Amino acid sequence: MLPEAVREPFSDLLDAGCGTGAMLGMFRRDYPDKNYTGVDFSEKMIETAKKKRMEGICFVAGDCENLPFADNSFDVVTCSMSFHHYPNPEKFFLSLHRVLRPGGRLILRDMASNSRILMWFFNHIEIPAANRFLNKGDVRVYSKDAIQRLCDAGGLKLELYEVRKGFRLHCVVRKPCTEKRK
């Protein structure tokens, strides 16, 4: 995610679903002059992140489907391996539109496949079984068409959707620089 984030200049980065802040620590180490914020639904994860005393990173307990930040606050939002837990992804995309600055980007990493059969298996067999037996809290993995619909509904533009080795989704979504008037 770091190479994707630094392709363009940025000053403020939010990591949605930051967990204990590991990725933000790497960003801060390599680019210490930027402003970093992490948000996670789990207060325990945020407590653990804060105990690490990572200077220059603000950690907030909050809901990624209703991001607790002011409008136009971030140039980049990253979301790594938490999106498949969101029960209302359309709310996340609407919240992204609100907190991203014009021209800002979401860099999304999650699970996916180019195979419709595997996507069906993930969503109808694997995820329900993992939730039933392991209480994992997974909700869904998303196809390119599903991400495109979320972007359209949220006023965002899908720029890149790639499934990489190991069923890893790499996706870039942008808030338009100018809004179309309705």
N, C-alpha and C. Protein backbone atom coordinates (compact mmCIF):
# COMPACT_ATOMS: atom_id res chain seq x y z
N MET A 1 0.82 -1.20 0.00
CA MET A 1 0.00 0.00 0.00
C MET A 1 0.86 1.26 0.00
N LEU A 2 2.02 1.18 0.63
CA LEU A 2 2.91 2.34 0.70
C LEU A 2 3.29 2.84 -0.68
N PRO A 3 3.75 1.98 -1.60
CA PRO A 3 4.09 2.50 -2.94
C PRO A 3 2.92 3.18 -3.64
N GLU A 4 1.72 2.64 -3.46
CA GLU A 4 0.53 3.25 -4.08
C GLU A 4 0.25 4.61 -3.45
N ALA A 5 0.35 4.69 -2.13
CA ALA A 5 0.04 5.94 -1.42
C ALA A 5 0.97 7.07 -1.82
N VAL A 6 2.24 6.76 -2.02
CA VAL A 6 3.22 7.82 -2.29
C VAL A 6 3.38 8.13 -3.78
N ARG A 7 2.56 7.54 -4.63
CA ARG A 7 2.59 7.88 -6.06
C ARG A 7 2.24 9.34 -6.29
N GLU A 8 1.46 9.89 -5.39
CA GLU A 8 1.03 11.28 -5.49
C GLU A 8 1.31 11.97 -4.16
N PRO A 9 1.57 13.28 -4.18
CA PRO A 9 1.81 13.99 -2.92
C PRO A 9 0.57 13.93 -2.02
N PHE A 10 0.80 13.84 -0.73
CA PHE A 10 -0.29 13.87 0.25
C PHE A 10 0.25 14.42 1.55
N SER A 11 -0.66 14.94 2.37
CA SER A 11 -0.24 15.41 3.69
C SER A 11 -0.97 14.67 4.81
N ASP A 12 -2.22 14.26 4.57
CA ASP A 12 -3.04 13.64 5.62
C ASP A 12 -3.56 12.29 5.15
N LEU A 13 -3.24 11.25 5.93
CA LEU A 13 -3.63 9.89 5.58
C LEU A 13 -4.41 9.27 6.73
N LEU A 14 -5.52 8.64 6.39
CA LEU A 14 -6.33 7.90 7.35
C LEU A 14 -6.26 6.43 7.01
N ASP A 15 -6.00 5.59 8.02
CA ASP A 15 -6.07 4.15 7.85
C ASP A 15 -7.36 3.67 8.49
N ALA A 16 -8.33 3.27 7.65
CA ALA A 16 -9.64 2.79 8.11
C ALA A 16 -9.53 1.31 8.45
N GLY A 17 -9.92 0.96 9.67
CA GLY A 17 -9.75 -0.41 10.13
C GLY A 17 -8.29 -0.67 10.45
N CYS A 18 -7.68 0.26 11.18
CA CYS A 18 -6.22 0.26 11.40
C CYS A 18 -5.72 -0.83 12.34
N GLY A 19 -6.61 -1.49 13.07
CA GLY A 19 -6.14 -2.50 14.02
C GLY A 19 -5.23 -1.88 15.05
N THR A 20 -4.07 -2.49 15.23
CA THR A 20 -3.12 -2.00 16.24
C THR A 20 -2.11 -1.00 15.68
N GLY A 21 -2.33 -0.55 14.44
CA GLY A 21 -1.52 0.52 13.88
C GLY A 21 -0.24 0.11 13.18
N ALA A 22 -0.07 -1.16 12.89
CA ALA A 22 1.18 -1.62 12.28
C ALA A 22 1.49 -0.92 10.96
N MET A 23 0.50 -0.80 10.09
CA MET A 23 0.75 -0.17 8.80
C MET A 23 1.08 1.31 8.97
N LEU A 24 0.37 1.98 9.87
CA LEU A 24 0.67 3.40 10.10
C LEU A 24 2.08 3.60 10.63
N GLY A 25 2.55 2.66 11.43
CA GLY A 25 3.93 2.73 11.91
C GLY A 25 4.93 2.68 10.76
N MET A 26 4.65 1.84 9.76
CA MET A 26 5.54 1.76 8.59
C MET A 26 5.48 3.04 7.76
N PHE A 27 4.27 3.56 7.57
CA PHE A 27 4.14 4.83 6.84
C PHE A 27 4.93 5.93 7.56
N ARG A 28 4.75 6.04 8.86
CA ARG A 28 5.41 7.08 9.66
C ARG A 28 6.93 6.95 9.62
N ARG A 29 7.40 5.71 9.68
CA ARG A 29 8.85 5.46 9.63
C ARG A 29 9.45 5.98 8.32
N ASP A 30 8.78 5.69 7.20
CA ASP A 30 9.33 6.05 5.89
C ASP A 30 9.00 7.48 5.45
N TYR A 31 7.91 8.04 5.96
CA TYR A 31 7.46 9.38 5.59
C TYR A 31 7.03 10.12 6.85
N PRO A 32 7.99 10.54 7.68
CA PRO A 32 7.67 11.11 9.00
C PRO A 32 7.05 12.51 8.95
N ASP A 33 7.09 13.17 7.81
CA ASP A 33 6.58 14.54 7.73
C ASP A 33 5.10 14.63 7.39
N LYS A 34 4.40 13.51 7.37
CA LYS A 34 2.97 13.49 7.04
C LYS A 34 2.13 13.36 8.32
N ASN A 35 0.83 13.61 8.19
CA ASN A 35 -0.10 13.47 9.32
C ASN A 35 -0.86 12.15 9.16
N TYR A 36 -0.84 11.34 10.21
CA TYR A 36 -1.45 10.02 10.15
C TYR A 36 -2.51 9.85 11.22
N THR A 37 -3.61 9.23 10.81
CA THR A 37 -4.71 8.93 11.72
C THR A 37 -5.16 7.50 11.45
N GLY A 38 -5.48 6.79 12.52
CA GLY A 38 -6.03 5.45 12.38
C GLY A 38 -7.37 5.39 13.09
N VAL A 39 -8.32 4.69 12.48
CA VAL A 39 -9.63 4.49 13.09
C VAL A 39 -9.95 3.01 13.05
N ASP A 40 -10.50 2.51 14.15
CA ASP A 40 -10.91 1.11 14.20
C ASP A 40 -12.14 1.00 15.10
N PHE A 41 -13.03 0.09 14.76
CA PHE A 41 -14.25 -0.13 15.53
C PHE A 41 -13.94 -0.73 16.90
N SER A 42 -12.86 -1.50 16.98
CA SER A 42 -12.49 -2.17 18.22
C SER A 42 -11.72 -1.23 19.16
N GLU A 43 -12.33 -0.92 20.27
CA GLU A 43 -11.64 -0.08 21.26
C GLU A 43 -10.39 -0.77 21.79
N LYS A 44 -10.40 -2.11 21.87
CA LYS A 44 -9.21 -2.84 22.34
C LYS A 44 -8.05 -2.68 21.37
N MET A 45 -8.35 -2.71 20.08
CA MET A 45 -7.29 -2.50 19.07
C MET A 45 -6.71 -1.09 19.22
N ILE A 46 -7.57 -0.11 19.39
CA ILE A 46 -7.11 1.28 19.53
C ILE A 46 -6.29 1.43 20.82
N GLU A 47 -6.72 0.82 21.91
CA GLU A 47 -5.95 0.87 23.16
C GLU A 47 -4.56 0.28 22.95
N THR A 48 -4.49 -0.85 22.26
CA THR A 48 -3.19 -1.48 21.99
C THR A 48 -2.33 -0.58 21.12
N ALA A 49 -2.93 0.03 20.10
CA ALA A 49 -2.17 0.95 19.23
C ALA A 49 -1.62 2.12 20.03
N LYS A 50 -2.44 2.68 20.90
CA LYS A 50 -2.00 3.83 21.70
C LYS A 50 -0.88 3.46 22.66
N LYS A 51 -0.90 2.24 23.18
CA LYS A 51 0.15 1.78 24.10
C LYS A 51 1.51 1.70 23.41
N LYS A 52 1.52 1.59 22.10
CA LYS A 52 2.78 1.54 21.34
C LYS A 52 3.47 2.90 21.32
N ARG A 53 2.74 3.95 21.70
CA ARG A 53 3.28 5.32 21.74
C ARG A 53 4.00 5.71 20.44
N MET A 54 3.30 5.51 19.34
CA MET A 54 3.86 5.88 18.04
C MET A 54 3.66 7.37 17.83
N GLU A 55 4.73 8.09 17.96
CA GLU A 55 4.68 9.55 17.87
C GLU A 55 4.16 9.99 16.50
N GLY A 56 3.29 10.99 16.52
CA GLY A 56 2.78 11.57 15.29
C GLY A 56 1.63 10.82 14.65
N ILE A 57 1.06 9.85 15.36
CA ILE A 57 -0.09 9.11 14.83
C ILE A 57 -1.23 9.25 15.83
N CYS A 58 -2.38 9.67 15.34
CA CYS A 58 -3.58 9.81 16.17
C CYS A 58 -4.45 8.58 15.95
N PHE A 59 -4.86 7.93 17.03
CA PHE A 59 -5.73 6.76 16.95
C PHE A 59 -7.10 7.09 17.53
N VAL A 60 -8.15 6.69 16.80
CA VAL A 60 -9.52 7.01 17.19
C VAL A 60 -10.36 5.74 17.12
N ALA A 61 -11.11 5.47 18.18
CA ALA A 61 -12.10 4.39 18.13
C ALA A 61 -13.32 4.95 17.42
N GLY A 62 -13.76 4.28 16.35
CA GLY A 62 -14.90 4.77 15.61
C GLY A 62 -15.34 3.80 14.54
N ASP A 63 -16.44 4.10 13.93
CA ASP A 63 -17.09 3.26 12.93
C ASP A 63 -16.67 3.72 11.53
N CYS A 64 -16.09 2.82 10.77
CA CYS A 64 -15.66 3.17 9.42
C CYS A 64 -16.83 3.44 8.48
N GLU A 65 -18.01 2.98 8.85
CA GLU A 65 -19.19 3.26 8.04
C GLU A 65 -19.77 4.64 8.35
N ASN A 66 -19.25 5.28 9.37
CA ASN A 66 -19.64 6.64 9.74
C ASN A 66 -18.39 7.31 10.31
N LEU A 67 -17.45 7.60 9.44
CA LEU A 67 -16.14 8.09 9.87
C LEU A 67 -16.27 9.36 10.70
N PRO A 68 -15.67 9.36 11.90
CA PRO A 68 -15.83 10.48 12.83
C PRO A 68 -14.84 11.63 12.59
N PHE A 69 -14.83 12.11 11.35
CA PHE A 69 -13.89 13.17 10.99
C PHE A 69 -14.62 14.24 10.18
N ALA A 70 -14.04 15.42 10.15
CA ALA A 70 -14.62 16.54 9.41
C ALA A 70 -14.58 16.28 7.90
N ASP A 71 -15.43 16.96 7.20
CA ASP A 71 -15.45 16.90 5.74
C ASP A 71 -14.09 17.32 5.20
N ASN A 72 -13.68 16.69 4.09
CA ASN A 72 -12.47 17.06 3.36
C ASN A 72 -11.22 17.04 4.24
N SER A 73 -11.07 16.03 5.07
CA SER A 73 -9.96 15.95 6.03
C SER A 73 -8.73 15.23 5.50
N PHE A 74 -8.87 14.34 4.51
CA PHE A 74 -7.76 13.45 4.13
C PHE A 74 -7.53 13.44 2.63
N ASP A 75 -6.24 13.32 2.29
CA ASP A 75 -5.83 13.15 0.89
C ASP A 75 -5.91 11.68 0.49
N VAL A 76 -5.61 10.80 1.46
CA VAL A 76 -5.57 9.36 1.21
C VAL A 76 -6.26 8.65 2.37
N VAL A 77 -7.07 7.66 2.02
CA VAL A 77 -7.61 6.72 3.00
C VAL A 77 -7.16 5.34 2.57
N THR A 78 -6.53 4.62 3.47
CA THR A 78 -6.17 3.24 3.21
C THR A 78 -7.11 2.34 4.00
N CYS A 79 -7.35 1.16 3.48
CA CYS A 79 -8.20 0.18 4.15
C CYS A 79 -7.66 -1.19 3.77
N SER A 80 -7.01 -1.84 4.70
CA SER A 80 -6.35 -3.11 4.41
C SER A 80 -6.96 -4.23 5.23
N MET A 81 -7.59 -5.15 4.55
CA MET A 81 -8.12 -6.38 5.13
C MET A 81 -9.14 -6.15 6.24
N SER A 82 -9.90 -5.06 6.13
CA SER A 82 -11.01 -4.87 7.06
C SER A 82 -12.34 -4.68 6.33
N PHE A 83 -12.29 -4.33 5.05
CA PHE A 83 -13.49 -4.00 4.30
C PHE A 83 -14.48 -5.17 4.27
N HIS A 84 -13.99 -6.39 4.22
CA HIS A 84 -14.89 -7.54 4.16
C HIS A 84 -15.66 -7.76 5.46
N HIS A 85 -15.37 -6.97 6.49
CA HIS A 85 -16.09 -7.03 7.77
C HIS A 85 -17.25 -6.02 7.83
N TYR A 86 -17.33 -5.09 6.91
CA TYR A 86 -18.29 -4.00 6.99
C TYR A 86 -19.67 -4.47 6.55
N PRO A 87 -20.67 -4.42 7.43
CA PRO A 87 -22.00 -4.88 7.05
C PRO A 87 -22.73 -3.94 6.10
N ASN A 88 -22.36 -2.66 6.07
CA ASN A 88 -23.01 -1.67 5.21
C ASN A 88 -21.95 -0.92 4.40
N PRO A 89 -21.36 -1.57 3.40
CA PRO A 89 -20.26 -0.95 2.67
C PRO A 89 -20.65 0.34 1.96
N GLU A 90 -21.94 0.46 1.59
CA GLU A 90 -22.37 1.69 0.94
C GLU A 90 -22.21 2.89 1.88
N LYS A 91 -22.40 2.69 3.17
CA LYS A 91 -22.18 3.77 4.14
C LYS A 91 -20.71 4.15 4.21
N PHE A 92 -19.82 3.15 4.11
CA PHE A 92 -18.38 3.43 4.10
C PHE A 92 -18.03 4.30 2.90
N PHE A 93 -18.56 3.97 1.72
CA PHE A 93 -18.25 4.75 0.52
C PHE A 93 -18.81 6.16 0.60
N LEU A 94 -20.00 6.32 1.17
CA LEU A 94 -20.55 7.66 1.37
C LEU A 94 -19.70 8.46 2.36
N SER A 95 -19.25 7.79 3.40
CA SER A 95 -18.40 8.44 4.41
C SER A 95 -17.05 8.82 3.80
N LEU A 96 -16.53 7.96 2.93
CA LEU A 96 -15.28 8.27 2.22
C LEU A 96 -15.43 9.55 1.40
N HIS A 97 -16.53 9.61 0.67
CA HIS A 97 -16.76 10.80 -0.16
C HIS A 97 -16.73 12.06 0.69
N ARG A 98 -17.27 11.97 1.88
CA ARG A 98 -17.34 13.13 2.76
C ARG A 98 -15.95 13.51 3.31
N VAL A 99 -15.15 12.54 3.76
CA VAL A 99 -13.89 12.87 4.44
C VAL A 99 -12.71 13.04 3.48
N LEU A 100 -12.81 12.51 2.26
CA LEU A 100 -11.73 12.71 1.29
C LEU A 100 -11.79 14.13 0.73
N ARG A 101 -10.63 14.70 0.52
CA ARG A 101 -10.54 15.98 -0.19
C ARG A 101 -10.80 15.74 -1.67
N PRO A 102 -11.22 16.76 -2.41
CA PRO A 102 -11.37 16.60 -3.86
C PRO A 102 -10.05 16.07 -4.46
N GLY A 103 -10.18 15.03 -5.26
CA GLY A 103 -9.00 14.39 -5.85
C GLY A 103 -8.37 13.34 -4.96
N GLY A 104 -8.87 13.20 -3.73
CA GLY A 104 -8.32 12.23 -2.78
C GLY A 104 -8.63 10.80 -3.18
N ARG A 105 -7.87 9.86 -2.59
CA ARG A 105 -7.96 8.46 -3.00
C ARG A 105 -8.20 7.52 -1.83
N LEU A 106 -8.91 6.46 -2.12
CA LEU A 106 -8.98 5.28 -1.26
C LEU A 106 -8.08 4.24 -1.87
N ILE A 107 -7.22 3.66 -1.06
CA ILE A 107 -6.42 2.50 -1.49
C ILE A 107 -6.93 1.33 -0.67
N LEU A 108 -7.57 0.40 -1.35
CA LEU A 108 -8.26 -0.71 -0.70
C LEU A 108 -7.53 -2.01 -0.99
N ARG A 109 -7.20 -2.72 0.08
CA ARG A 109 -6.65 -4.07 -0.02
C ARG A 109 -7.60 -4.99 0.72
N ASP A 110 -7.98 -6.07 0.07
CA ASP A 110 -8.85 -7.04 0.71
C ASP A 110 -8.72 -8.36 -0.03
N MET A 111 -9.73 -9.20 0.07
CA MET A 111 -9.73 -10.49 -0.61
C MET A 111 -10.61 -10.39 -1.84
N ALA A 112 -10.24 -11.15 -2.88
CA ALA A 112 -11.07 -11.21 -4.09
C ALA A 112 -10.53 -12.31 -4.99
N SER A 113 -11.27 -12.56 -6.04
CA SER A 113 -10.84 -13.50 -7.08
C SER A 113 -11.45 -13.04 -8.39
N ASN A 114 -10.78 -13.38 -9.48
CA ASN A 114 -11.34 -13.11 -10.80
C ASN A 114 -12.32 -14.20 -11.21
N SER A 115 -12.39 -15.27 -10.43
CA SER A 115 -13.27 -16.38 -10.72
C SER A 115 -14.64 -16.17 -10.05
N ARG A 116 -15.69 -16.16 -10.85
CA ARG A 116 -17.04 -16.03 -10.29
C ARG A 116 -17.37 -17.21 -9.38
N ILE A 117 -16.88 -18.39 -9.72
CA ILE A 117 -17.13 -19.57 -8.91
C ILE A 117 -16.48 -19.42 -7.54
N LEU A 118 -15.23 -18.96 -7.51
CA LEU A 118 -14.55 -18.76 -6.21
C LEU A 118 -15.21 -17.64 -5.41
N MET A 119 -15.62 -16.58 -6.06
CA MET A 119 -16.31 -15.50 -5.34
C MET A 119 -17.61 -16.02 -4.73
N TRP A 120 -18.34 -16.83 -5.49
CA TRP A 120 -19.56 -17.43 -4.96
C TRP A 120 -19.23 -18.32 -3.76
N PHE A 121 -18.18 -19.12 -3.90
CA PHE A 121 -17.76 -20.00 -2.80
C PHE A 121 -17.40 -19.18 -1.56
N PHE A 122 -16.61 -18.13 -1.73
CA PHE A 122 -16.25 -17.28 -0.58
C PHE A 122 -17.50 -16.75 0.12
N ASN A 123 -18.42 -16.19 -0.67
CA ASN A 123 -19.57 -15.50 -0.10
C ASN A 123 -20.69 -16.41 0.39
N HIS A 124 -20.79 -17.61 -0.17
CA HIS A 124 -21.90 -18.49 0.19
C HIS A 124 -21.50 -19.71 1.02
N ILE A 125 -20.23 -20.08 1.03
CA ILE A 125 -19.78 -21.26 1.77
C ILE A 125 -18.74 -20.87 2.84
N GLU A 126 -17.61 -20.32 2.39
CA GLU A 126 -16.50 -20.06 3.31
C GLU A 126 -16.85 -19.04 4.39
N ILE A 127 -17.36 -17.89 4.01
CA ILE A 127 -17.66 -16.85 5.00
C ILE A 127 -18.74 -17.29 5.99
N PRO A 128 -19.87 -17.85 5.51
CA PRO A 128 -20.85 -18.33 6.50
C PRO A 128 -20.30 -19.42 7.43
N ALA A 129 -19.48 -20.32 6.89
CA ALA A 129 -18.90 -21.38 7.74
C ALA A 129 -17.92 -20.79 8.75
N ALA A 130 -17.08 -19.87 8.31
CA ALA A 130 -16.12 -19.23 9.23
C ALA A 130 -16.84 -18.47 10.33
N ASN A 131 -17.92 -17.82 9.98
CA ASN A 131 -18.70 -17.08 10.98
C ASN A 131 -19.39 -18.03 11.95
N ARG A 132 -19.91 -19.11 11.42
CA ARG A 132 -20.64 -20.05 12.29
C ARG A 132 -19.70 -20.77 13.26
N PHE A 133 -18.55 -21.23 12.76
CA PHE A 133 -17.68 -22.06 13.59
C PHE A 133 -16.55 -21.30 14.26
N LEU A 134 -16.15 -20.19 13.68
CA LEU A 134 -15.01 -19.44 14.24
C LEU A 134 -15.38 -18.04 14.69
N ASN A 135 -16.63 -17.63 14.47
CA ASN A 135 -17.10 -16.30 14.86
C ASN A 135 -16.18 -15.20 14.32
N LYS A 136 -15.86 -15.26 13.02
CA LYS A 136 -14.90 -14.35 12.41
C LYS A 136 -15.43 -12.96 12.11
N GLY A 137 -16.72 -12.81 11.88
CA GLY A 137 -17.26 -11.48 11.60
C GLY A 137 -17.09 -11.03 10.17
N ASP A 138 -16.75 -11.95 9.27
CA ASP A 138 -16.65 -11.59 7.85
C ASP A 138 -18.05 -11.42 7.29
N VAL A 139 -18.20 -10.53 6.32
CA VAL A 139 -19.51 -10.27 5.72
C VAL A 139 -19.52 -10.67 4.25
N ARG A 140 -18.55 -10.16 3.46
CA ARG A 140 -18.59 -10.38 2.01
C ARG A 140 -17.27 -9.97 1.39
N VAL A 141 -16.94 -10.61 0.27
CA VAL A 141 -15.86 -10.14 -0.59
C VAL A 141 -16.51 -9.60 -1.85
N TYR A 142 -15.86 -8.64 -2.51
CA TYR A 142 -16.52 -7.84 -3.53
C TYR A 142 -15.87 -7.98 -4.90
N SER A 143 -16.70 -8.17 -5.89
CA SER A 143 -16.27 -8.22 -7.28
C SER A 143 -16.04 -6.79 -7.78
N LYS A 144 -15.47 -6.70 -8.97
CA LYS A 144 -15.28 -5.39 -9.58
C LYS A 144 -16.62 -4.70 -9.80
N ASP A 145 -17.62 -5.45 -10.26
CA ASP A 145 -18.94 -4.86 -10.48
C ASP A 145 -19.53 -4.32 -9.18
N ALA A 146 -19.36 -5.05 -8.09
CA ALA A 146 -19.89 -4.60 -6.79
C ALA A 146 -19.18 -3.33 -6.33
N ILE A 147 -17.87 -3.29 -6.48
CA ILE A 147 -17.12 -2.08 -6.10
C ILE A 147 -17.54 -0.91 -6.98
N GLN A 148 -17.75 -1.17 -8.27
CA GLN A 148 -18.19 -0.11 -9.17
C GLN A 148 -19.54 0.45 -8.73
N ARG A 149 -20.47 -0.42 -8.34
CA ARG A 149 -21.78 0.05 -7.87
C ARG A 149 -21.64 0.88 -6.59
N LEU A 150 -20.76 0.47 -5.69
CA LEU A 150 -20.52 1.24 -4.46
C LEU A 150 -19.94 2.61 -4.79
N CYS A 151 -19.01 2.64 -5.74
CA CYS A 151 -18.44 3.93 -6.17
C CYS A 151 -19.50 4.83 -6.78
N ASP A 152 -20.30 4.27 -7.67
CA ASP A 152 -21.35 5.05 -8.32
C ASP A 152 -22.31 5.64 -7.29
N ALA A 153 -22.73 4.83 -6.34
CA ALA A 153 -23.67 5.30 -5.31
C ALA A 153 -23.03 6.32 -4.38
N GLY A 154 -21.71 6.22 -4.20
CA GLY A 154 -21.01 7.13 -3.29
C GLY A 154 -20.41 8.35 -3.96
N GLY A 155 -20.58 8.50 -5.27
CA GLY A 155 -20.03 9.66 -5.96
C GLY A 155 -18.52 9.58 -6.14
N LEU A 156 -17.99 8.36 -6.24
CA LEU A 156 -16.55 8.14 -6.37
C LEU A 156 -16.25 7.45 -7.69
N LYS A 157 -14.98 7.48 -8.08
CA LYS A 157 -14.57 6.89 -9.35
C LYS A 157 -13.62 5.73 -9.10
N LEU A 158 -13.97 4.57 -9.66
CA LEU A 158 -13.08 3.40 -9.58
C LEU A 158 -11.99 3.56 -10.63
N GLU A 159 -10.73 3.68 -10.18
CA GLU A 159 -9.62 3.84 -11.11
C GLU A 159 -8.89 2.54 -11.38
N LEU A 160 -8.83 1.66 -10.38
CA LEU A 160 -8.06 0.43 -10.54
C LEU A 160 -8.68 -0.67 -9.69
N TYR A 161 -8.85 -1.83 -10.29
CA TYR A 161 -9.32 -3.02 -9.57
C TYR A 161 -8.49 -4.16 -10.11
N GLU A 162 -7.60 -4.69 -9.29
CA GLU A 162 -6.75 -5.81 -9.68
C GLU A 162 -6.84 -6.89 -8.62
N VAL A 163 -6.89 -8.13 -9.09
CA VAL A 163 -6.75 -9.26 -8.19
C VAL A 163 -5.34 -9.78 -8.38
N ARG A 164 -4.57 -9.71 -7.32
CA ARG A 164 -3.18 -10.12 -7.37
C ARG A 164 -3.00 -11.50 -6.76
N LYS A 165 -1.80 -12.03 -6.86
CA LYS A 165 -1.48 -13.36 -6.34
C LYS A 165 -1.97 -13.51 -4.90
N GLY A 166 -2.50 -14.67 -4.59
CA GLY A 166 -2.95 -14.94 -3.24
C GLY A 166 -4.32 -14.37 -2.93
N PHE A 167 -5.15 -14.17 -3.96
CA PHE A 167 -6.51 -13.64 -3.79
C PHE A 167 -6.51 -12.26 -3.14
N ARG A 168 -5.49 -11.44 -3.43
CA ARG A 168 -5.39 -10.10 -2.85
C ARG A 168 -5.95 -9.06 -3.82
N LEU A 169 -6.95 -8.36 -3.33
CA LEU A 169 -7.53 -7.25 -4.09
C LEU A 169 -6.68 -6.01 -3.88
N HIS A 170 -6.35 -5.34 -4.97
CA HIS A 170 -5.71 -4.02 -4.91
C HIS A 170 -6.61 -3.09 -5.71
N CYS A 171 -7.15 -2.09 -5.04
CA CYS A 171 -8.16 -1.23 -5.64
C CYS A 171 -7.85 0.23 -5.30
N VAL A 172 -8.03 1.09 -6.28
CA VAL A 172 -7.86 2.53 -6.07
C VAL A 172 -9.14 3.23 -6.51
N VAL A 173 -9.68 4.02 -5.61
CA VAL A 173 -10.93 4.76 -5.83
C VAL A 173 -10.62 6.24 -5.57
N ARG A 174 -11.18 7.12 -6.38
CA ARG A 174 -10.89 8.56 -6.24
C ARG A 174 -12.17 9.38 -6.10
N LYS A 175 -12.06 10.39 -5.25
CA LYS A 175 -13.11 11.40 -5.19
C LYS A 175 -12.83 12.40 -6.31
N PRO A 176 -13.83 12.69 -7.13
CA PRO A 176 -13.61 13.64 -8.22
C PRO A 176 -13.13 15.00 -7.71
N CYS A 177 -12.33 15.65 -8.54
CA CYS A 177 -11.84 17.00 -8.19
C CYS A 177 -12.96 18.01 -8.24
N THR A 178 -13.90 17.79 -9.12
CA THR A 178 -15.06 18.68 -9.23
C THR A 178 -16.31 17.82 -9.16
N GLU A 179 -17.30 18.34 -8.50
CA GLU A 179 -18.57 17.63 -8.35
C GLU A 179 -19.51 18.04 -9.45
N LYS A 180 -20.24 17.07 -10.00
CA LYS A 180 -21.30 17.40 -10.97
C LYS A 180 -22.51 17.89 -10.19
N ARG A 181 -23.10 18.95 -10.66
CA ARG A 181 -24.30 19.48 -9.99
C ARG A 181 -25.51 18.68 -10.41
N LYS A 182 -26.36 18.41 -9.42
CA LYS A 182 -27.55 17.61 -9.69
C LYS A 182 -28.73 18.51 -9.98
